[in-house]
Amino acid sequence: MASTRQLKSRIRSVKSTKQITKAMQMVAASKMRRAQDATRLSAPYTQAANELLTYLATQGEVDEHKWFVQRPVKARLIIVIASDKGLAGAYNTNVLRQYISALREDDAAGITNETIAVGRKASQFVTRLKDTVVIGTYEDLPDHPEGAQFHAILNTAKDAFEQGRADAVDVIYTKFVSSITQTADVLRLFPAGFTETEVSNTVRQSLFEPSMSGVLGDIAYRLIGSRLFQALLDARASEHSMRMLAMKNATDNATDLVDDLTLEMNKARQGAITQELSEISAGVEAMK
């Protein structure tokens, strides 16, 4: 059994760790709320974009458009989104497992692939692989991913599809469902519009001025970009949610461990007192 001094040292150490995990839990909870608000506010626009892209894909005028054309998939570009930091439970493990599964499927089907890694954990992982060609890595994206890095990712994917280097562009990310439920998912970015999305009557009645072909290029780019934007928002909300839960579990475990160590220390202290009393009693008896 450990000594009382050793147990006191362990209790101090665990309490110190508990303070750290509690602080990280509170920070993650604050970031989680902001990220959830962002993904919730963006979701209706993304849903409308999905419906409009699906509707456009059924119209004859887009059959030959460079972003809507379907080709036999012989080469694929994968955008994998992970986090920059750890301590987020199984967040990175789940999305990277989905990514490895996609690489194995491509290898079995004889499909070549390239990769864009978003997040430091994804970058560190893909650079060690030999089954793919890494054409871009992006780290330290903000919680609200706009600006040069976002457009660089989107334009790289667009150019790869336009130039025929990729017959399909997929995004592997963590879809945010709720604070306690997040799932690794695959989103088809190019070719555009071929998703299982039910199109509402409002979208079917849309009017295009001056014509569908006249506005197609500009609106399609924005609509496709909104899908990538939503995936990045979902991934960040999922990351903060899983980190908050991981830190909460760590804090709870630290609390339980402190209780167990305190109980063990009290038992050790009681045992030491009992032994000391026994020795005193034995000494008194020996002096008689």
Protein backbone atom coordinates (compact mmCIF):
# COMPACT_ATOMS: atom_id res chain seq x y z
CA MET A 1 0.00 0.00 0.00
CA ALA A 2 1.26 3.50 -0.86
CA SER A 3 2.31 5.75 2.00
CA THR A 4 0.23 8.68 3.16
CA ARG A 5 2.80 11.10 1.73
CA GLN A 6 2.68 9.41 -1.69
CA LEU A 7 -1.11 9.47 -1.70
CA LYS A 8 -1.18 13.18 -0.78
CA SER A 9 1.21 13.88 -3.67
CA ARG A 10 -1.00 11.95 -6.11
CA ILE A 11 -4.12 13.75 -4.90
CA ARG A 12 -2.45 17.15 -5.44
CA SER A 13 -1.35 16.07 -8.91
CA VAL A 14 -4.82 14.83 -9.89
CA LYS A 15 -6.47 17.99 -8.54
CA SER A 16 -4.06 20.10 -10.59
CA THR A 17 -4.93 18.09 -13.72
CA LYS A 18 -8.63 18.43 -12.90
CA GLN A 19 -8.32 22.22 -12.83
CA ILE A 20 -6.75 22.14 -16.30
CA THR A 21 -9.39 19.83 -17.80
CA LYS A 22 -12.18 21.88 -16.20
CA ALA A 23 -10.81 25.07 -17.74
CA MET A 24 -10.47 23.39 -21.15
CA GLN A 25 -14.03 22.08 -20.81
CA MET A 26 -15.37 25.60 -20.21
CA VAL A 27 -13.39 27.06 -23.13
CA ALA A 28 -14.56 24.27 -25.44
CA ALA A 29 -18.17 24.75 -24.29
CA SER A 30 -18.00 28.45 -25.14
CA LYS A 31 -16.49 27.77 -28.57
CA MET A 32 -18.99 24.95 -29.12
CA ARG A 33 -21.97 27.27 -28.61
CA ARG A 34 -20.61 29.80 -31.12
CA ALA A 35 -19.77 27.07 -33.64
CA GLN A 36 -23.20 25.47 -33.24
CA ASP A 37 -24.89 28.82 -33.79
CA ALA A 38 -22.84 29.34 -36.96
CA THR A 39 -23.66 25.92 -38.44
CA ARG A 40 -27.34 26.23 -37.49
CA LEU A 41 -27.67 29.65 -39.11
CA SER A 42 -25.88 28.50 -42.27
CA ALA A 43 -27.82 25.22 -42.63
CA PRO A 44 -31.01 26.65 -44.29
CA TYR A 45 -28.95 28.40 -46.98
CA THR A 46 -26.95 25.22 -47.61
CA GLN A 47 -30.14 23.18 -47.85
CA ALA A 48 -31.51 25.62 -50.42
CA ALA A 49 -28.20 25.44 -52.30
CA ASN A 50 -28.37 21.63 -52.36
CA GLU A 51 -31.92 21.76 -53.73
CA LEU A 52 -31.02 24.32 -56.39
CA LEU A 53 -27.93 22.38 -57.50
CA THR A 54 -29.98 19.18 -57.68
CA TYR A 55 -32.62 21.01 -59.73
CA LEU A 56 -30.01 22.50 -62.07
CA ALA A 57 -28.47 19.06 -62.63
CA THR A 58 -31.81 17.83 -64.04
CA GLN A 59 -32.03 20.63 -66.60
CA GLY A 60 -30.77 20.05 -70.12
CA GLU A 61 -28.83 23.31 -70.24
CA VAL A 62 -26.25 22.09 -67.73
CA ASP A 63 -25.52 18.73 -69.37
CA GLU A 64 -22.29 19.99 -70.88
CA HIS A 65 -21.37 22.45 -68.16
CA LYS A 66 -17.86 21.78 -66.88
CA TRP A 67 -18.96 21.50 -63.21
CA PHE A 68 -21.96 19.25 -63.80
CA VAL A 69 -20.63 16.72 -66.31
CA GLN A 70 -20.42 13.15 -65.01
CA ARG A 71 -17.45 11.05 -66.05
CA PRO A 72 -16.37 7.51 -65.19
CA VAL A 73 -14.35 7.92 -61.99
CA LYS A 74 -10.75 6.98 -62.73
CA ALA A 75 -9.19 9.65 -60.51
CA ARG A 76 -10.53 11.24 -57.34
CA LEU A 77 -9.59 14.23 -55.22
CA ILE A 78 -10.32 13.86 -51.51
CA ILE A 79 -10.53 16.81 -49.12
CA VAL A 80 -10.12 15.47 -45.58
CA ILE A 81 -10.99 17.79 -42.70
CA ALA A 82 -9.57 17.16 -39.22
CA SER A 83 -8.50 19.40 -36.33
CA ASP A 84 -5.38 21.40 -35.58
CA LYS A 85 -5.30 20.29 -31.94
CA GLY A 86 -5.81 17.05 -30.06
CA LEU A 87 -7.73 16.24 -26.86
CA ALA A 88 -10.98 15.94 -28.83
CA GLY A 89 -11.88 12.34 -28.07
CA ALA A 90 -12.30 10.17 -31.16
CA TYR A 91 -12.88 13.15 -33.49
CA ASN A 92 -9.69 12.79 -35.57
CA THR A 93 -9.64 9.00 -35.34
CA ASN A 94 -13.14 8.68 -36.81
CA VAL A 95 -12.61 11.02 -39.76
CA LEU A 96 -9.17 9.58 -40.60
CA ARG A 97 -10.58 6.05 -40.42
CA GLN A 98 -13.22 7.11 -42.96
CA TYR A 99 -10.45 8.59 -45.11
CA ILE A 100 -8.39 5.37 -45.00
CA SER A 101 -11.51 3.42 -45.97
CA ALA A 102 -11.94 5.69 -49.02
CA LEU A 103 -8.30 5.15 -50.04
CA ARG A 104 -8.72 1.38 -49.80
CA GLU A 105 -11.88 1.53 -51.92
CA ASP A 106 -10.02 3.54 -54.57
CA ASP A 107 -7.10 1.13 -54.50
CA ALA A 108 -9.42 -1.87 -54.91
CA ALA A 109 -11.20 -0.18 -57.84
CA GLY A 110 -7.98 0.96 -59.53
CA ILE A 111 -8.76 4.65 -58.95
CA THR A 112 -5.88 7.07 -58.47
CA ASN A 113 -6.34 9.82 -55.93
CA GLU A 114 -4.99 13.10 -54.66
CA THR A 115 -5.55 14.66 -51.25
CA ILE A 116 -6.06 18.09 -49.74
CA ALA A 117 -5.59 18.01 -45.96
CA VAL A 118 -7.33 20.58 -43.77
CA GLY A 119 -6.14 20.71 -40.17
CA ARG A 120 -2.74 19.94 -38.65
CA LYS A 121 -3.74 16.43 -37.59
CA ALA A 122 -4.84 15.59 -41.13
CA SER A 123 -1.67 17.13 -42.59
CA GLN A 124 0.58 15.12 -40.30
CA PHE A 125 -1.32 11.94 -41.12
CA VAL A 126 -1.51 12.18 -44.93
CA THR A 127 2.13 13.18 -45.39
CA ARG A 128 3.13 9.76 -44.01
CA LEU A 129 1.02 7.87 -46.56
CA LYS A 130 2.25 6.42 -49.84
CA ASP A 131 -1.20 5.66 -51.30
CA THR A 132 -2.04 9.24 -52.27
CA VAL A 133 -0.53 12.44 -53.65
CA VAL A 134 -0.89 15.41 -51.31
CA ILE A 135 -1.50 18.57 -53.34
CA GLY A 136 -2.28 20.94 -50.48
CA THR A 137 -2.31 21.29 -46.70
CA TYR A 138 -4.15 23.98 -44.77
CA GLU A 139 -3.79 24.63 -41.06
CA ASP A 140 -5.10 27.08 -38.47
CA LEU A 141 -8.32 27.91 -40.29
CA PRO A 142 -10.58 30.15 -38.17
CA ASP A 143 -13.89 28.91 -36.75
CA HIS A 144 -15.62 30.96 -39.46
CA PRO A 145 -13.60 29.85 -42.52
CA GLU A 146 -13.67 32.66 -45.04
CA GLY A 147 -11.05 34.42 -47.09
CA ALA A 148 -7.97 33.28 -48.94
CA GLN A 149 -7.60 29.79 -47.46
CA PHE A 150 -11.23 28.85 -48.04
CA HIS A 151 -11.17 30.02 -51.66
CA ALA A 152 -7.80 28.34 -52.19
CA ILE A 153 -9.29 24.99 -51.17
CA LEU A 154 -12.40 25.50 -53.31
CA ASN A 155 -10.46 26.72 -56.35
CA THR A 156 -7.94 23.87 -56.14
CA ALA A 157 -10.82 21.38 -56.15
CA LYS A 158 -12.56 23.22 -59.01
CA ASP A 159 -9.40 23.37 -61.12
CA ALA A 160 -8.65 19.68 -60.58
CA PHE A 161 -12.14 18.75 -61.80
CA GLU A 162 -12.13 21.19 -64.72
CA GLN A 163 -8.72 20.04 -65.95
CA GLY A 164 -9.67 16.37 -65.74
CA ARG A 165 -7.11 15.50 -63.06
CA ALA A 166 -10.06 14.38 -60.92
CA ASP A 167 -13.32 12.88 -62.12
CA ALA A 168 -14.88 13.38 -58.68
CA VAL A 169 -14.13 15.56 -55.67
CA ASP A 170 -15.23 14.32 -52.25
CA VAL A 171 -15.06 15.96 -48.83
CA ILE A 172 -14.54 13.69 -45.81
CA TYR A 173 -15.56 15.52 -42.66
CA THR A 174 -17.47 15.14 -39.40
CA LYS A 175 -21.14 15.95 -39.77
CA PHE A 176 -22.64 17.75 -36.81
CA VAL A 177 -25.94 16.23 -35.67
CA SER A 178 -26.14 17.35 -32.04
CA SER A 179 -23.88 18.12 -29.09
CA ILE A 180 -23.51 14.42 -28.36
CA THR A 181 -23.82 12.98 -31.88
CA GLN A 182 -21.33 13.58 -34.68
CA THR A 183 -20.65 11.22 -37.57
CA ALA A 184 -17.87 10.96 -40.15
CA ASP A 185 -19.43 11.57 -43.56
CA VAL A 186 -18.53 11.90 -47.27
CA LEU A 187 -19.81 14.84 -49.34
CA ARG A 188 -19.62 14.86 -53.16
CA LEU A 189 -18.54 18.36 -54.20
CA PHE A 190 -17.92 17.74 -57.93
CA PRO A 191 -19.68 16.94 -60.18
CA ALA A 192 -22.25 19.34 -58.76
CA GLY A 193 -25.89 18.63 -58.11
CA PHE A 194 -25.93 14.86 -57.96
CA THR A 195 -27.11 14.42 -54.39
CA GLU A 196 -30.11 12.67 -52.89
CA THR A 197 -31.92 15.89 -52.10
CA GLU A 198 -35.65 16.40 -52.45
CA VAL A 199 -36.36 19.56 -54.42
CA SER A 200 -39.13 21.80 -53.10
CA ASN A 201 -41.75 23.44 -55.29
CA THR A 202 -40.27 26.84 -54.47
CA VAL A 203 -37.00 25.86 -56.10
CA ARG A 204 -38.73 24.23 -59.07
CA GLN A 205 -40.53 27.51 -59.74
CA SER A 206 -37.31 29.54 -59.74
CA LEU A 207 -36.82 32.05 -62.54
CA PHE A 208 -33.41 32.88 -64.01
CA GLU A 209 -32.68 36.29 -65.52
CA PRO A 210 -31.53 36.83 -68.20
CA SER A 211 -31.30 33.02 -68.64
CA MET A 212 -30.21 29.90 -66.79
CA SER A 213 -27.06 29.58 -68.89
CA GLY A 214 -26.30 33.27 -68.37
CA VAL A 215 -26.14 33.04 -64.58
CA LEU A 216 -25.18 29.40 -64.17
CA GLY A 217 -21.43 29.85 -63.78
CA ASP A 218 -21.63 32.51 -61.08
CA ILE A 219 -24.40 30.99 -58.97
CA ALA A 220 -23.06 27.44 -59.30
CA TYR A 221 -19.68 28.52 -57.92
CA ARG A 222 -21.36 30.16 -54.93
CA LEU A 223 -23.68 27.22 -54.31
CA ILE A 224 -20.86 24.68 -54.48
CA GLY A 225 -18.80 26.89 -52.19
CA SER A 226 -21.65 26.98 -49.67
CA ARG A 227 -21.54 23.18 -49.41
CA LEU A 228 -17.82 23.21 -48.63
CA PHE A 229 -18.37 26.09 -46.21
CA GLN A 230 -21.08 24.12 -44.38
CA ALA A 231 -18.80 21.08 -44.15
CA LEU A 232 -16.08 23.21 -42.54
CA LEU A 233 -18.60 24.70 -40.08
CA ASP A 234 -19.96 21.25 -39.21
CA ALA A 235 -16.45 19.92 -38.69
CA ARG A 236 -15.54 22.74 -36.33
CA ALA A 237 -18.78 22.44 -34.34
CA SER A 238 -18.19 18.69 -34.05
CA GLU A 239 -14.61 19.24 -32.92
CA HIS A 240 -15.55 21.64 -30.13
CA SER A 241 -18.44 19.40 -29.04
CA MET A 242 -16.26 16.30 -28.82
CA ARG A 243 -13.49 18.21 -27.03
CA MET A 244 -15.98 19.54 -24.50
CA LEU A 245 -17.31 16.02 -23.86
CA ALA A 246 -13.77 14.60 -23.64
CA MET A 247 -12.73 17.23 -21.11
CA LYS A 248 -15.94 16.73 -19.12
CA ASN A 249 -15.25 12.99 -18.94
CA ALA A 250 -11.65 13.69 -17.91
CA THR A 251 -12.84 16.08 -15.18
CA ASP A 252 -15.38 13.55 -13.91
CA ASN A 253 -12.75 10.80 -13.91
CA ALA A 254 -10.36 13.06 -11.98
CA THR A 255 -13.08 13.73 -9.40
CA ASP A 256 -13.68 10.00 -8.96
CA LEU A 257 -9.94 9.34 -8.71
CA VAL A 258 -9.51 12.02 -6.04
CA ASP A 259 -12.34 10.43 -4.04
CA ASP A 260 -10.75 6.97 -4.35
CA LEU A 261 -7.31 8.26 -3.39
CA THR A 262 -8.75 10.20 -0.45
CA LEU A 263 -10.47 7.07 0.79
CA GLU A 264 -7.27 5.08 0.37
CA MET A 265 -5.30 7.78 2.20
CA ASN A 266 -7.78 7.79 5.09
CA LYS A 267 -7.50 4.01 5.32
CA ALA A 268 -3.70 4.25 5.32
CA ARG A 269 -3.82 6.97 7.96
CA GLN A 270 -6.21 4.94 10.10
CA GLY A 271 -4.00 1.90 9.68
CA ALA A 272 -0.95 3.89 10.78
CA ILE A 273 -2.81 5.20 13.85
CA THR A 274 -4.02 1.70 14.73
CA GLN A 275 -0.49 0.32 14.39
CA GLU A 276 0.93 3.11 16.55
CA LEU A 277 -1.66 2.49 19.26
CA SER A 278 -0.89 -1.21 19.14
CA GLU A 279 2.83 -0.51 19.54
CA ILE A 280 2.15 1.82 22.49
CA SER A 281 -0.08 -0.77 24.11
CA ALA A 282 2.55 -3.45 23.57
CA GLY A 283 5.20 -1.18 25.09
CA VAL A 284 3.06 -0.50 28.15
CA GLU A 285 2.44 -4.22 28.64
CA ALA A 286 6.17 -4.92 28.34
CA MET A 287 6.96 -2.39 31.08
CA LYS A 288 4.66 -4.04 33.63
